[in-house]
C-alpha atoms as a PDB file:
ATOM      1  CA  SER A   1      15.150  52.080 102.982  1.00  0.00           C
ATOM      2  CA  SER A   2      12.008  51.916 100.680  1.00  0.00           C
ATOM      3  CA  GLY A   3       9.906  53.438 103.497  1.00  0.00           C
ATOM      4  CA  HIS A   4      11.941  56.561 103.714  1.00  0.00           C
ATOM      5  CA  VAL A   5      12.108  56.708  99.821  1.00  0.00           C
ATOM      6  CA  CYS A   6       8.518  56.726  99.765  1.00  0.00           C
ATOM      7  CA  LEU A   7       8.182  59.243 102.378  1.00  0.00           C
ATOM      8  CA  ALA A   8      10.619  61.533 100.545  1.00  0.00           C
ATOM      9  CA  ALA A   9       8.742  61.054  97.538  1.00  0.00           C
ATOM     10  CA  ARG A  10       5.499  61.885  99.141  1.00  0.00           C
ATOM     11  CA  GLU A  11       6.970  65.057 100.607  1.00  0.00           C
ATOM     12  CA  ILE A  12       8.312  66.200  97.183  1.00  0.00           C
ATOM     13  CA  ILE A  13       4.871  65.545  95.498  1.00  0.00           C
ATOM     14  CA  ALA A  14       3.361  67.536  98.401  1.00  0.00           C
ATOM     15  CA  MET A  15       5.578  70.503  97.932  1.00  0.00           C
ATOM     16  CA  GLN A  16       5.023  70.229  93.921  1.00  0.00           C
ATOM     17  CA  VAL A  17       1.177  70.666  94.826  1.00  0.00           C
ATOM     18  CA  LEU A  18       1.896  73.536  97.008  1.00  0.00           C
ATOM     19  CA  LEU A  19       4.298  75.389  94.573  1.00  0.00           C
ATOM     20  CA  GLU A  20       1.728  74.805  91.828  1.00  0.00           C
ATOM     21  CA  SER A  21      -0.983  76.128  94.023  1.00  0.00           C
ATOM     22  CA  LEU A  22       1.031  79.267  94.501  1.00  0.00           C
ATOM     23  CA  ILE A  23       1.032  79.966  90.646  1.00  0.00           C
ATOM     24  CA  LEU A  24      -2.996  79.518  90.607  1.00  0.00           C
ATOM     25  CA  ALA A  25      -3.163  81.681  93.579  1.00  0.00           C
ATOM     26  CA  SER A  26      -1.306  84.325  92.012  1.00  0.00           C
ATOM     27  CA  ASP A  27      -3.456  84.258  89.014  1.00  0.00           C
ATOM     28  CA  VAL A  28      -6.560  84.444  91.138  1.00  0.00           C
ATOM     29  CA  ALA A  29      -5.114  87.470  92.921  1.00  0.00           C
ATOM     30  CA  THR A  30      -4.503  89.174  89.362  1.00  0.00           C
ATOM     31  CA  LEU A  31      -8.163  88.282  88.572  1.00  0.00           C
ATOM     32  CA  GLY A  32      -9.321  89.651  91.646  1.00  0.00           C
ATOM     33  CA  SER A  33      -7.497  93.024  90.968  1.00  0.00           C
ATOM     34  CA  PHE A  34      -9.156  93.689  87.902  1.00  0.00           C
ATOM     35  CA  VAL A  35     -12.554  92.549  89.195  1.00  0.00           C
ATOM     36  CA  VAL A  36     -12.065  95.170  92.138  1.00  0.00           C
ATOM     37  CA  LEU A  37     -11.083  97.657  89.582  1.00  0.00           C
ATOM     38  CA  CYS A  38     -14.258  96.898  87.213  1.00  0.00           C
ATOM     39  CA  HIS A  39     -16.456  96.941  90.444  1.00  0.00           C
ATOM     40  CA  LYS A  40     -15.100 100.325  91.314  1.00  0.00           C
ATOM     41  CA  LEU A  41     -15.829 101.643  87.847  1.00  0.00           C
ATOM     42  CA  ARG A  42     -19.494 100.393  87.983  1.00  0.00           C
ATOM     43  CA  GLN A  43     -20.089 101.650  91.434  1.00  0.00           C
ATOM     44  CA  THR A  44     -18.661 105.238  91.083  1.00  0.00           C
ATOM     45  CA  SER A  45     -19.326 105.594  87.351  1.00  0.00           C
ATOM     46  CA  THR A  46     -16.004 107.350  87.079  1.00  0.00           C
ATOM     47  CA  CYS A  47     -12.339 107.132  86.164  1.00  0.00           C
ATOM     48  CA  ALA A  48     -11.186 109.447  88.933  1.00  0.00           C
ATOM     49  CA  GLY A  49      -8.196 108.314  90.900  1.00  0.00           C
ATOM     50  CA  ILE A  50      -7.270 105.720  88.304  1.00  0.00           C
ATOM     51  CA  SER A  51      -4.099 105.611  86.268  1.00  0.00           C
ATOM     52  CA  LEU A  52      -5.171 104.415  82.860  1.00  0.00           C
ATOM     53  CA  GLN A  53      -1.473 104.337  82.138  1.00  0.00           C
ATOM     54  CA  THR A  54      -1.091 101.631  84.924  1.00  0.00           C
ATOM     55  CA  VAL A  55      -4.070  99.789  83.809  1.00  0.00           C
ATOM     56  CA  LEU A  56      -3.100  99.387  80.208  1.00  0.00           C
ATOM     57  CA  CYS A  57       0.506  98.641  81.248  1.00  0.00           C
ATOM     58  CA  LEU A  58      -0.830  95.766  83.404  1.00  0.00           C
ATOM     59  CA  ALA A  59      -3.176  94.627  80.795  1.00  0.00           C
ATOM     60  CA  LEU A  60      -0.369  94.436  78.255  1.00  0.00           C
ATOM     61  CA  THR A  61       1.753  92.188  80.760  1.00  0.00           C
ATOM     62  CA  ARG A  62      -1.071  90.064  81.114  1.00  0.00           C
ATOM     63  CA  ALA A  63      -1.256  89.675  77.325  1.00  0.00           C
ATOM     64  CA  LEU A  64       2.374  88.934  77.183  1.00  0.00           C
ATOM     65  CA  HIS A  65       2.218  86.350  79.809  1.00  0.00           C
ATOM     66  CA  ALA A  66      -0.560  84.510  77.963  1.00  0.00           C
ATOM     67  CA  THR A  67       1.604  84.273  74.803  1.00  0.00           C
ATOM     68  CA  SER A  68       4.347  82.466  76.835  1.00  0.00           C
ATOM     69  CA  HIS A  69       2.120  79.256  76.720  1.00  0.00           C
ATOM     70  CA  TRP A  70       2.160  78.804  72.974  1.00  0.00           C
ATOM     71  CA  MET A  71       5.936  80.162  72.887  1.00  0.00           C
ATOM     72  CA  GLY A  72       6.723  77.196  75.180  1.00  0.00           C
ATOM     73  CA  MET A  73       8.094  79.368  77.765  1.00  0.00           C
ATOM     74  CA  HIS A  74       5.547  78.909  80.658  1.00  0.00           C
ATOM     75  CA  TYR A  75       6.009  76.787  83.657  1.00  0.00           C
ATOM     76  CA  ARG A  76       4.214  73.321  83.045  1.00  0.00           C
ATOM     77  CA  PRO A  77       2.842  71.707  86.152  1.00  0.00           C
ATOM     78  CA  ARG A  78       3.900  68.166  87.166  1.00  0.00           C
ATOM     79  CA  SER A  79       1.326  67.354  89.732  1.00  0.00           C
ATOM     80  CA  LEU A  80      -1.820  69.551  88.907  1.00  0.00           C
ATOM     81  CA  PRO A  81      -3.562  69.666  85.500  1.00  0.00           C
ATOM     82  CA  ASP A  82      -2.319  71.984  82.962  1.00  0.00           C
ATOM     83  CA  PHE A  83      -5.542  73.502  81.952  1.00  0.00           C
ATOM     84  CA  PRO A  84      -6.240  75.756  84.859  1.00  0.00           C
ATOM     85  CA  TYR A  85      -3.054  77.652  84.323  1.00  0.00           C
ATOM     86  CA  LYS A  86      -3.896  78.369  80.740  1.00  0.00           C
ATOM     87  CA  ALA A  87      -7.349  79.149  81.422  1.00  0.00           C
ATOM     88  CA  MET A  88      -6.386  81.606  84.215  1.00  0.00           C
ATOM     89  CA  ASP A  89      -3.626  83.204  82.054  1.00  0.00           C
ATOM     90  CA  TYR A  90      -6.095  83.751  78.807  1.00  0.00           C
ATOM     91  CA  LEU A  91      -9.017  84.853  81.178  1.00  0.00           C
ATOM     92  CA  ASN A  92      -6.852  87.385  82.898  1.00  0.00           C
ATOM     93  CA  ALA A  93      -5.526  88.606  79.530  1.00  0.00           C
ATOM     94  CA  VAL A  94      -9.109  89.125  78.322  1.00  0.00           C
ATOM     95  CA  VAL A  95     -10.655  90.405  81.584  1.00  0.00           C
ATOM     96  CA  SER A  96      -7.631  93.061  81.966  1.00  0.00           C
ATOM     97  CA  LEU A  97      -7.924  94.403  78.501  1.00  0.00           C
ATOM     98  CA  GLY A  98     -11.844  94.514  78.788  1.00  0.00           C
ATOM     99  CA  VAL A  99     -11.468  96.611  81.844  1.00  0.00           C
ATOM    100  CA  VAL A 100      -9.168  98.992  79.872  1.00  0.00           C
ATOM    101  CA  ILE A 101     -11.938  99.216  77.120  1.00  0.00           C
ATOM    102  CA  TYR A 102     -14.628  99.593  79.478  1.00  0.00           C
ATOM    103  CA  ALA A 103     -13.109 102.387  81.417  1.00  0.00           C
ATOM    104  CA  VAL A 104     -12.145 104.405  78.344  1.00  0.00           C
ATOM    105  CA  THR A 105     -15.271 104.024  76.412  1.00  0.00           C
ATOM    106  CA  SER A 106     -17.864 104.283  79.266  1.00  0.00           C
ATOM    107  CA  PHE A 107     -15.879 106.697  81.713  1.00  0.00           C
ATOM    108  CA  GLY A 108     -13.434 108.416  79.540  1.00  0.00           C
ATOM    109  CA  PRO A 109     -14.511 111.964  80.030  1.00  0.00           C
ATOM    110  CA  SER A 110     -13.839 111.437  83.829  1.00  0.00           C
ATOM    111  CA  TYR A 111     -10.391 110.335  83.334  1.00  0.00           C
ATOM    112  CA  GLU A 112      -7.940 112.738  85.285  1.00  0.00           C
ATOM    113  CA  ALA A 113      -5.269 113.105  82.428  1.00  0.00           C
ATOM    114  CA  GLN A 114      -3.697 116.065  84.516  1.00  0.00           C
ATOM    115  CA  LYS A 115      -3.015 113.938  87.413  1.00  0.00           C
ATOM    116  CA  ASP A 116      -1.855 110.735  85.711  1.00  0.00           C
ATOM    117  CA  ASN A 117       1.208 112.515  84.772  1.00  0.00           C
ATOM    118  CA  PHE A 118       4.078 110.060  85.607  1.00  0.00           C
ATOM    119  CA  GLY A 119       7.155 111.763  83.815  1.00  0.00           C
ATOM    120  CA  GLY A 120       5.298 114.805  83.083  1.00  0.00           C
ATOM    121  CA  LYS A 121       7.692 117.072  85.137  1.00  0.00           C
ATOM    122  CA  LEU A 122      10.583 115.690  82.872  1.00  0.00           C
ATOM    123  CA  LEU A 123       8.594 116.231  79.645  1.00  0.00           C
ATOM    124  CA  ALA A 124       7.634 119.809  80.947  1.00  0.00           C
ATOM    125  CA  LYS A 125      11.342 120.550  81.469  1.00  0.00           C
ATOM    126  CA  VAL A 126      12.178 119.672  77.823  1.00  0.00           C
ATOM    127  CA  GLY A 127       9.064 121.652  76.463  1.00  0.00           C
ATOM    128  CA  LEU A 128       7.110 118.636  75.502  1.00  0.00           C
ATOM    129  CA  MET A 129       4.212 119.406  77.933  1.00  0.00           C
ATOM    130  CA  ASP A 130       2.864 122.580  79.583  1.00  0.00           C
ATOM    131  CA  LEU A 131       4.067 123.129  82.983  1.00  0.00           C
ATOM    132  CA  ASP A 132       0.707 122.457  84.611  1.00  0.00           C
ATOM    133  CA  MET A 133       1.171 119.022  83.032  1.00  0.00           C
ATOM    134  CA  LYS A 134      -2.114 118.919  81.489  1.00  0.00           C
ATOM    135  CA  PRO A 135      -2.230 117.643  78.111  1.00  0.00           C
ATOM    136  CA  ARG A 136      -3.500 120.253  75.533  1.00  0.00           C
ATOM    137  CA  ASN A 137      -3.983 117.907  72.359  1.00  0.00           C
ATOM    138  CA  PRO A 138      -3.514 114.388  71.347  1.00  0.00           C
ATOM    139  CA  VAL A 139       0.087 114.860  70.592  1.00  0.00           C
ATOM    140  CA  GLN A 140       0.784 115.712  74.089  1.00  0.00           C
ATOM    141  CA  GLN A 141      -1.095 113.048  75.502  1.00  0.00           C
ATOM    142  CA  GLY A 142       0.394 110.523  73.272  1.00  0.00           C
ATOM    143  CA  THR A 143       3.925 112.120  74.379  1.00  0.00           C
ATOM    144  CA  LYS A 144       3.044 111.649  78.019  1.00  0.00           C
ATOM    145  CA  TRP A 145       1.939 108.033  77.627  1.00  0.00           C
ATOM    146  CA  GLY A 146       4.842 107.177  75.241  1.00  0.00           C
ATOM    147  CA  PHE A 147       7.256 108.272  77.976  1.00  0.00           C
ATOM    148  CA  LEU A 148       6.449 105.184  79.901  1.00  0.00           C
ATOM    149  CA  TYR A 149       7.047 102.897  76.994  1.00  0.00           C
ATOM    150  CA  ILE A 150      10.255 104.581  76.186  1.00  0.00           C
ATOM    151  CA  VAL A 151      11.509 104.036  79.616  1.00  0.00           C
ATOM    152  CA  ILE A 152      10.547 100.272  79.270  1.00  0.00           C
ATOM    153  CA  VAL A 153      12.284  99.786  76.084  1.00  0.00           C
ATOM    154  CA  VAL A 154      15.505 101.424  77.384  1.00  0.00           C
ATOM    155  CA  LEU A 155      15.382  99.409  80.754  1.00  0.00           C
ATOM    156  CA  SER A 156      14.751  96.203  78.761  1.00  0.00           C
ATOM    157  CA  PHE A 157      17.695  96.707  76.697  1.00  0.00           C
ATOM    158  CA  ALA A 158      19.797  97.515  79.788  1.00  0.00           C
ATOM    159  CA  TRP A 159      18.336  94.510  81.600  1.00  0.00           C
ATOM    160  CA  TYR A 160      19.208  92.312  78.784  1.00  0.00           C
ATOM    161  CA  SER A 161      22.840  93.339  78.768  1.00  0.00           C
ATOM    162  CA  VAL A 162      23.239  92.098  82.467  1.00  0.00           C
ATOM    163  CA  ARG A 163      20.543  89.610  82.964  1.00  0.00           C
ATOM    164  CA  PRO A 164      21.996  86.265  83.919  1.00  0.00           C
ATOM    165  CA  GLY A 165      21.322  83.321  81.608  1.00  0.00           C
ATOM    166  CA  THR A 166      20.029  85.212  78.660  1.00  0.00           C
ATOM    167  CA  TYR A 167      20.893  83.647  75.433  1.00  0.00           C
ATOM    168  CA  ALA A 168      18.631  84.019  72.247  1.00  0.00           C
ATOM    169  CA  PHE A 169      17.744  87.344  71.526  1.00  0.00           C
ATOM    170  CA  ASN A 170      14.008  87.013  70.904  1.00  0.00           C
ATOM    171  CA  THR A 171      13.068  84.940  73.932  1.00  0.00           C
ATOM    172  CA  GLY A 172      15.607  87.060  75.984  1.00  0.00           C
ATOM    173  CA  MET A 173      14.176  90.279  74.900  1.00  0.00           C
ATOM    174  CA  PHE A 174      10.662  89.016  75.423  1.00  0.00           C
ATOM    175  CA  CYS A 175      11.498  88.070  79.018  1.00  0.00           C
ATOM    176  CA  CYS A 176      13.166  91.361  79.670  1.00  0.00           C
ATOM    177  CA  VAL A 177      10.351  93.441  78.362  1.00  0.00           C
ATOM    178  CA  TYR A 178       7.849  91.447  80.354  1.00  0.00           C
ATOM    179  CA  GLU A 179       9.723  91.654  83.550  1.00  0.00           C
ATOM    180  CA  VAL A 180      10.665  95.587  83.085  1.00  0.00           C
ATOM    181  CA  MET A 181       7.131  96.189  82.152  1.00  0.00           C
ATOM    182  CA  THR A 182       5.661  94.295  85.192  1.00  0.00           C
ATOM    183  CA  ALA A 183       8.040  96.175  87.593  1.00  0.00           C
ATOM    184  CA  ILE A 184       7.163  99.619  86.562  1.00  0.00           C
ATOM    185  CA  ALA A 185       3.455  99.154  85.542  1.00  0.00           C
ATOM    186  CA  LEU A 186       2.295 100.387  88.888  1.00  0.00           C
ATOM    187  CA  LEU A 187       4.543 103.448  89.056  1.00  0.00           C
ATOM    188  CA  PRO A 188       1.972 105.944  87.530  1.00  0.00           C
ATOM    189  CA  GLN A 189      -0.782 104.632  89.885  1.00  0.00           C
ATOM    190  CA  LEU A 190       1.565 105.166  92.833  1.00  0.00           C
ATOM    191  CA  TRP A 191       2.517 108.437  91.586  1.00  0.00           C
ATOM    192  CA  MET A 192      -1.220 109.431  91.605  1.00  0.00           C
ATOM    193  CA  PHE A 193      -1.792 108.123  95.031  1.00  0.00           C
ATOM    194  CA  TRP A 194       1.194 110.090  96.444  1.00  0.00           C
ATOM    195  CA  THR A 195       0.022 113.227  94.601  1.00  0.00           C
ATOM    196  CA  ASP A 196      -3.393 112.830  96.044  1.00  0.00           C
ATOM    197  CA  LYS A 197      -2.423 111.525  99.580  1.00  0.00           C
ATOM    198  CA  LYS A 198      -5.917 109.892  99.881  1.00  0.00           C
ATOM    199  CA  VAL A 199      -6.362 106.623  98.438  1.00  0.00           C
ATOM    200  CA  SER A 200      -9.792 104.864  98.098  1.00  0.00           C
ATOM    201  CA  SER A 201     -10.429 101.481  99.587  1.00  0.00           C
ATOM    202  CA  ALA A 202     -11.181  99.956  96.001  1.00  0.00           C
ATOM    203  CA  LEU A 203      -8.105 101.389  94.270  1.00  0.00           C
ATOM    204  CA  ALA A 204      -5.883 100.487  97.587  1.00  0.00           C
ATOM    205  CA  ASN A 205      -7.152  96.731  97.085  1.00  0.00           C
ATOM    206  CA  PHE A 206      -6.565  96.750  93.485  1.00  0.00           C
ATOM    207  CA  VAL A 207      -2.790  97.571  94.197  1.00  0.00           C
ATOM    208  CA  ALA A 208      -2.764  95.180  97.231  1.00  0.00           C
ATOM    209  CA  LEU A 209      -4.221  92.241  95.222  1.00  0.00           C
ATOM    210  CA  THR A 210      -1.311  93.062  92.600  1.00  0.00           C
ATOM    211  CA  ALA A 211       1.339  92.794  95.418  1.00  0.00           C
ATOM    212  CA  LEU A 212      -0.260  89.656  96.564  1.00  0.00           C
ATOM    213  CA  ASN A 213       0.275  88.208  92.982  1.00  0.00           C
ATOM    214  CA  ARG A 214       3.864  89.098  93.346  1.00  0.00           C
ATOM    215  CA  PHE A 215       4.298  87.831  96.785  1.00  0.00           C
ATOM    216  CA  PHE A 216       2.735  84.349  95.592  1.00  0.00           C
ATOM    217  CA  THR A 217       5.086  84.285  92.466  1.00  0.00           C
ATOM    218  CA  LEU A 218       8.259  85.151  94.570  1.00  0.00           C
ATOM    219  CA  SER A 219       7.295  82.474  96.987  1.00  0.00           C
ATOM    220  CA  PHE A 220       7.143  79.979  94.248  1.00  0.00           C
ATOM    221  CA  TRP A 221      10.377  80.615  92.827  1.00  0.00           C
ATOM    222  CA  VAL A 222      12.264  80.817  96.357  1.00  0.00           C
ATOM    223  CA  LEU A 223      10.602  77.243  97.353  1.00  0.00           C
ATOM    224  CA  ILE A 224      11.024  75.633  93.785  1.00  0.00           C
ATOM    225  CA  PRO A 225      14.299  73.847  94.780  1.00  0.00           C
ATOM    226  CA  TRP A 226      12.552  71.881  97.642  1.00  0.00           C
ATOM    227  CA  ALA A 227       9.936  70.653  94.906  1.00  0.00           C
ATOM    228  CA  PHE A 228      12.437  69.779  92.287  1.00  0.00           C
ATOM    229  CA  PRO A 229      15.825  69.377  93.969  1.00  0.00           C
ATOM    230  CA  TRP A 230      17.323  67.641  90.749  1.00  0.00           C
ATOM    231  CA  ALA A 231      16.267  70.229  88.071  1.00  0.00           C
ATOM    232  CA  THR A 232      16.155  73.805  89.519  1.00  0.00           C
ATOM    233  CA  PRO A 233      15.375  76.157  86.607  1.00  0.00           C
ATOM    234  CA  SER A 234      18.199  78.108  85.419  1.00  0.00           C
ATOM    235  CA  ASN A 235      15.936  81.295  85.148  1.00  0.00           C
ATOM    236  CA  ARG A 236      15.379  81.211  89.147  1.00  0.00           C
ATOM    237  CA  THR A 237      17.632  83.870  90.128  1.00  0.00           C
ATOM    238  CA  ASN A 238      16.432  86.351  87.547  1.00  0.00           C
ATOM    239  CA  GLN A 239      12.805  85.668  88.552  1.00  0.00           C
ATOM    240  CA  MET A 240      13.566  86.138  92.204  1.00  0.00           C
ATOM    241  CA  ILE A 241      15.375  89.483  91.507  1.00  0.00           C
ATOM    242  CA  SER A 242      12.427  90.515  89.394  1.00  0.00           C
ATOM    243  CA  GLU A 243       9.712  89.708  91.788  1.00  0.00           C
ATOM    244  CA  ALA A 244      11.632  91.024  94.709  1.00  0.00           C
ATOM    245  CA  GLY A 245      12.144  94.279  93.028  1.00  0.00           C
ATOM    246  CA  ASN A 246       8.516  94.442  92.376  1.00  0.00           C
ATOM    247  CA  LEU A 247       7.565  93.967  95.894  1.00  0.00           C
ATOM    248  CA  LEU A 248      10.213  96.696  96.906  1.00  0.00           C
ATOM    249  CA  ILE A 249       8.592  99.086  94.652  1.00  0.00           C
ATOM    250  CA  LEU A 250       5.264  98.509  96.431  1.00  0.00           C
ATOM    251  CA  ALA A 251       6.801  98.191 100.028  1.00  0.00           C
ATOM    252  CA  ASP A 252       6.303 101.852 100.883  1.00  0.00           C
ATOM    253  CA  PHE A 253       2.480 101.832  99.817  1.00  0.00           C
ATOM    254  CA  MET A 254       1.801  98.431 101.353  1.00  0.00           C
ATOM    255  CA  TYR A 255       3.210  99.758 104.847  1.00  0.00           C
ATOM    256  CA  TYR A 256       0.358 102.324 104.869  1.00  0.00           C
ATOM    257  CA  TYR A 257      -1.970 100.020 103.562  1.00  0.00           C
ATOM    258  CA  ILE A 258      -1.398  97.365 106.365  1.00  0.00           C
ATOM    259  CA  GLN A 259      -1.301 100.085 108.883  1.00  0.00           C
ATOM    260  CA  ALA A 260      -4.813 101.401 107.825  1.00  0.00           C
ATOM    261  CA  LYS A 261      -6.359  98.061 107.803  1.00  0.00           C
ATOM    262  CA  LEU A 262      -5.122  97.158 111.168  1.00  0.00           C
ATOM    263  CA  GLN A 263      -6.541 100.446 112.371  1.00  0.00           C
ATOM    264  CA  GLY A 264      -9.923  99.708 110.898  1.00  0.00           C
ATOM    265  CA  LYS A 265      -9.718 102.568 108.410  1.00  0.00           C
ATOM    266  CA  THR A 266     -11.560 102.273 104.959  1.00  0.00           C
ATOM    267  CA  ASP A 267      -9.345 104.825 102.980  1.00  0.00           C
ATOM    268  CA  ILE A 268      -5.537 105.062 103.046  1.00  0.00           C
ATOM    269  CA  VAL A 269      -4.083 108.247 103.991  1.00  0.00           C
ATOM    270  CA  LEU A 270      -0.652 108.862 102.833  1.00  0.00           C
ATOM    271  CA  PRO A 271       1.679 111.303 104.685  1.00  0.00           C
ATOM    272  CA  SER A 272       2.794 114.418 103.095  1.00  0.00           C
ATOM    273  CA  HIS A 273       6.477 115.345 103.226  1.00  0.00           C
ATOM    274  CA  SER A 274       5.883 117.949 106.085  1.00  0.00           C
ATOM    275  CA  ASP A 275       4.296 114.991 108.149  1.00  0.00           C
ATOM    276  CA  GLU A 276       7.598 113.078 108.056  1.00  0.00           C
ATOM    277  CA  VAL A 277      10.310 113.461 110.468  1.00  0.00           C
END
């Protein structure tokens, strides 16, 4: 009957609004993560504990994400205005890159380059870095940072070769680079966390907000068939695999983060290997 049709239509519209709100919520979480990081820098006047490799990589992912609008690849809302989505993505790109510049120019000397050594052990084994993993010159520093992007390029080509529904090379590789970069961007920061064992509340919140962004994004892709039962995007499976992988990478840290918050602790203390059974 017409009444049932109208009710079904209203339910679909309500689901569309919910889904599109999830996208905005993920963007707000991303903005919040960089605001928290900027506040941490201003409050402590130091880069100590921060992986600039991670912050730069995350900023580059936001820049890539923002370009998806003029490439015609970004989701276009059906029930909510398009402007807030573009505004948030461009704002996140500007703010994240601004945080990188602010950290380097204002607090560069306090950057713990020796601790921000993701991939350093491998580079030391092949003679590209000293055994203490402390860069002695700009070449060693560039080599250490370059390792992360070499991994990104290699994994992007590998992902492109098996990624379902990948067609044109330019758009396909763009998606693969973005997805791989998003997946591994936090690895250097997590590496520092597990090296130090104690994580400040600000840095923990920075990572937790990034995880929240990914949870909202995954929820969007999981629920999208209920809002658009007649036109489920062909890249839905790819996006769910990507976002689920992102959350899996963060799952271990988030366990200790939630545990600490439930216990009323400010800082997050990670267990050493000797503490584990």
